[in-house]
Amino acid sequence: MSVTMTPAAAERVRTFITNRGKGLGLRLGVKTTGCSGLAYVLEFVDELNEDDEMFEIDDVNIIIDGKSLVYLEGIELDFVKEGLNEGFKFTNPNAKGECGCGESFNV
């Protein structure tokens, strides 16, 4: 299983966790929604669930639940700034398509 994160994403997650003052890491998951079927979910993790896998990347823990793992194999998490906009970008080799608004994907 491979999950990667760019240095920009790792720095942003570290900053979020430091500002929050607690947390084991960041959960990356998927939920059923949107035009294409699946959407990414990011949330802080304070304690692990039984089916969680944890990946330490650049001193940052990325936690993925077992159900989401199959959709996220090989994903890269990046943090980008484009003009006045900034946010996380997902490069997922499993995604076969995305909806026009970019909120959801399908496999």
C-alpha atoms as a PDB file:
ATOM      1  CA  MET A   1       0.000   0.000   0.000  1.00  0.00           C
ATOM      2  CA  SER A   2       1.404   3.349  -0.963  1.00  0.00           C
ATOM      3  CA  VAL A   3       0.188   6.759   0.086  1.00  0.00           C
ATOM      4  CA  THR A   4       2.344   9.811  -0.575  1.00  0.00           C
ATOM      5  CA  MET A   5       2.237  13.438   0.399  1.00  0.00           C
ATOM      6  CA  THR A   6       4.148  16.405  -0.946  1.00  0.00           C
ATOM      7  CA  PRO A   7       6.282  18.518   1.404  1.00  0.00           C
ATOM      8  CA  ALA A   8       3.746  21.372   1.012  1.00  0.00           C
ATOM      9  CA  ALA A   9       0.895  19.113   2.160  1.00  0.00           C
ATOM     10  CA  ALA A  10       2.924  17.722   5.074  1.00  0.00           C
ATOM     11  CA  GLU A  11       3.792  21.231   6.259  1.00  0.00           C
ATOM     12  CA  ARG A  12       0.148  22.334   6.051  1.00  0.00           C
ATOM     13  CA  VAL A  13      -1.085  19.300   8.024  1.00  0.00           C
ATOM     14  CA  ARG A  14       1.633  19.817  10.675  1.00  0.00           C
ATOM     15  CA  THR A  15       0.548  23.450  11.010  1.00  0.00           C
ATOM     16  CA  PHE A  16      -3.125  22.467  11.394  1.00  0.00           C
ATOM     17  CA  ILE A  17      -2.337  19.885  14.087  1.00  0.00           C
ATOM     18  CA  THR A  18      -0.001  22.262  15.938  1.00  0.00           C
ATOM     19  CA  ASN A  19      -2.615  25.029  15.907  1.00  0.00           C
ATOM     20  CA  ARG A  20      -5.262  22.556  17.066  1.00  0.00           C
ATOM     21  CA  GLY A  21      -3.036  21.507  19.973  1.00  0.00           C
ATOM     22  CA  LYS A  22      -3.795  17.775  19.783  1.00  0.00           C
ATOM     23  CA  GLY A  23      -4.337  14.886  17.398  1.00  0.00           C
ATOM     24  CA  LEU A  24      -2.702  11.735  16.094  1.00  0.00           C
ATOM     25  CA  GLY A  25      -2.905  12.822  12.485  1.00  0.00           C
ATOM     26  CA  LEU A  26      -5.209  13.445   9.561  1.00  0.00           C
ATOM     27  CA  ARG A  27      -7.820  10.989   8.317  1.00  0.00           C
ATOM     28  CA  LEU A  28      -8.157  10.635   4.575  1.00  0.00           C
ATOM     29  CA  GLY A  29     -11.272   8.786   3.514  1.00  0.00           C
ATOM     30  CA  VAL A  30     -14.093   8.645   1.016  1.00  0.00           C
ATOM     31  CA  LYS A  31     -17.844   8.962   1.308  1.00  0.00           C
ATOM     32  CA  THR A  32     -20.659   8.289  -1.129  1.00  0.00           C
ATOM     33  CA  THR A  33     -21.929  11.590  -2.510  1.00  0.00           C
ATOM     34  CA  GLY A  34     -21.864  13.995  -5.427  1.00  0.00           C
ATOM     35  CA  CYS A  35     -22.380  13.668  -9.160  1.00  0.00           C
ATOM     36  CA  SER A  36     -19.749  10.970  -9.694  1.00  0.00           C
ATOM     37  CA  GLY A  37     -20.312   8.834  -6.613  1.00  0.00           C
ATOM     38  CA  LEU A  38     -17.420   9.361  -4.161  1.00  0.00           C
ATOM     39  CA  ALA A  39     -15.923  12.394  -2.424  1.00  0.00           C
ATOM     40  CA  TYR A  40     -12.768  12.792  -0.351  1.00  0.00           C
ATOM     41  CA  VAL A  41     -13.050  13.408   3.384  1.00  0.00           C
ATOM     42  CA  LEU A  42     -10.358  14.994   5.561  1.00  0.00           C
ATOM     43  CA  GLU A  43     -10.685  15.151   9.356  1.00  0.00           C
ATOM     44  CA  PHE A  44      -8.502  15.169  12.449  1.00  0.00           C
ATOM     45  CA  VAL A  45      -7.969  11.890  14.307  1.00  0.00           C
ATOM     46  CA  ASP A  46      -7.646  11.778  18.089  1.00  0.00           C
ATOM     47  CA  GLU A  47      -7.866   8.004  18.435  1.00  0.00           C
ATOM     48  CA  LEU A  48      -7.583   5.120  15.998  1.00  0.00           C
ATOM     49  CA  ASN A  49     -10.427   2.822  14.999  1.00  0.00           C
ATOM     50  CA  GLU A  50      -9.941  -0.930  14.760  1.00  0.00           C
ATOM     51  CA  ASP A  51      -9.769  -0.984  10.936  1.00  0.00           C
ATOM     52  CA  ASP A  52      -7.496   2.064  10.523  1.00  0.00           C
ATOM     53  CA  GLU A  53      -4.177   1.938   8.689  1.00  0.00           C
ATOM     54  CA  MET A  54      -1.651   4.621   9.627  1.00  0.00           C
ATOM     55  CA  PHE A  55       1.045   5.901   7.275  1.00  0.00           C
ATOM     56  CA  GLU A  56       3.810   8.130   8.620  1.00  0.00           C
ATOM     57  CA  ILE A  57       4.978  10.510   5.924  1.00  0.00           C
ATOM     58  CA  ASP A  58       7.406  13.332   6.661  1.00  0.00           C
ATOM     59  CA  ASP A  59       6.564  13.205  10.416  1.00  0.00           C
ATOM     60  CA  VAL A  60       2.822  13.384   9.661  1.00  0.00           C
ATOM     61  CA  ASN A  61       0.390  10.525  10.244  1.00  0.00           C
ATOM     62  CA  ILE A  62      -2.177   9.883   7.536  1.00  0.00           C
ATOM     63  CA  ILE A  63      -4.913   7.525   8.721  1.00  0.00           C
ATOM     64  CA  ILE A  64      -7.147   5.637   6.274  1.00  0.00           C
ATOM     65  CA  ASP A  65     -10.002   3.358   7.294  1.00  0.00           C
ATOM     66  CA  GLY A  66     -10.211  -0.122   5.781  1.00  0.00           C
ATOM     67  CA  LYS A  67     -13.296   0.687   3.698  1.00  0.00           C
ATOM     68  CA  SER A  68     -11.621   3.691   2.030  1.00  0.00           C
ATOM     69  CA  LEU A  69      -8.258   2.008   1.537  1.00  0.00           C
ATOM     70  CA  VAL A  70      -9.284   0.205  -1.654  1.00  0.00           C
ATOM     71  CA  TYR A  71     -10.197   3.539  -3.328  1.00  0.00           C
ATOM     72  CA  LEU A  72      -7.057   5.371  -2.164  1.00  0.00           C
ATOM     73  CA  GLU A  73      -4.231   2.966  -3.059  1.00  0.00           C
ATOM     74  CA  GLY A  74      -1.422   5.044  -4.585  1.00  0.00           C
ATOM     75  CA  ILE A  75      -2.968   8.452  -3.827  1.00  0.00           C
ATOM     76  CA  GLU A  76      -0.827  11.565  -3.472  1.00  0.00           C
ATOM     77  CA  LEU A  77      -1.973  14.411  -1.241  1.00  0.00           C
ATOM     78  CA  ASP A  78      -0.732  17.876  -2.204  1.00  0.00           C
ATOM     79  CA  PHE A  79      -1.418  21.408  -0.979  1.00  0.00           C
ATOM     80  CA  VAL A  80      -1.588  24.004  -3.735  1.00  0.00           C
ATOM     81  CA  LYS A  81      -2.057  27.747  -3.988  1.00  0.00           C
ATOM     82  CA  GLU A  82      -3.533  29.094  -7.216  1.00  0.00           C
ATOM     83  CA  GLY A  83      -4.068  32.821  -7.143  1.00  0.00           C
ATOM     84  CA  LEU A  84      -6.292  33.609  -4.158  1.00  0.00           C
ATOM     85  CA  ASN A  85      -7.376  29.972  -3.795  1.00  0.00           C
ATOM     86  CA  GLU A  86      -5.581  27.336  -1.785  1.00  0.00           C
ATOM     87  CA  GLY A  87      -6.420  23.802  -0.757  1.00  0.00           C
ATOM     88  CA  PHE A  88      -5.594  20.139  -0.822  1.00  0.00           C
ATOM     89  CA  LYS A  89      -5.308  18.401  -4.173  1.00  0.00           C
ATOM     90  CA  PHE A  90      -5.725  14.654  -4.603  1.00  0.00           C
ATOM     91  CA  THR A  91      -3.924  12.724  -7.334  1.00  0.00           C
ATOM     92  CA  ASN A  92      -5.630   9.355  -7.277  1.00  0.00           C
ATOM     93  CA  PRO A  93      -4.608   6.720  -9.849  1.00  0.00           C
ATOM     94  CA  ASN A  94      -7.843   4.807  -9.117  1.00  0.00           C
ATOM     95  CA  ALA A  95     -10.145   7.654 -10.169  1.00  0.00           C
ATOM     96  CA  LYS A  96     -11.563   7.015 -13.627  1.00  0.00           C
ATOM     97  CA  GLY A  97     -13.389  10.324 -13.807  1.00  0.00           C
ATOM     98  CA  GLU A  98     -14.453  13.427 -11.895  1.00  0.00           C
ATOM     99  CA  CYS A  99     -17.565  15.517 -11.974  1.00  0.00           C
ATOM    100  CA  GLY A 100     -17.399  18.951 -13.597  1.00  0.00           C
ATOM    101  CA  CYS A 101     -17.277  20.810 -10.285  1.00  0.00           C
ATOM    102  CA  GLY A 102     -14.414  18.645  -8.968  1.00  0.00           C
ATOM    103  CA  GLU A 103     -16.269  17.681  -5.790  1.00  0.00           C
ATOM    104  CA  SER A 104     -16.556  13.961  -6.516  1.00  0.00           C
ATOM    105  CA  PHE A 105     -14.937  11.114  -8.471  1.00  0.00           C
ATOM    106  CA  ASN A 106     -15.676   7.578  -9.640  1.00  0.00           C
ATOM    107  CA  VAL A 107     -13.597   4.420  -9.888  1.00  0.00           C
END
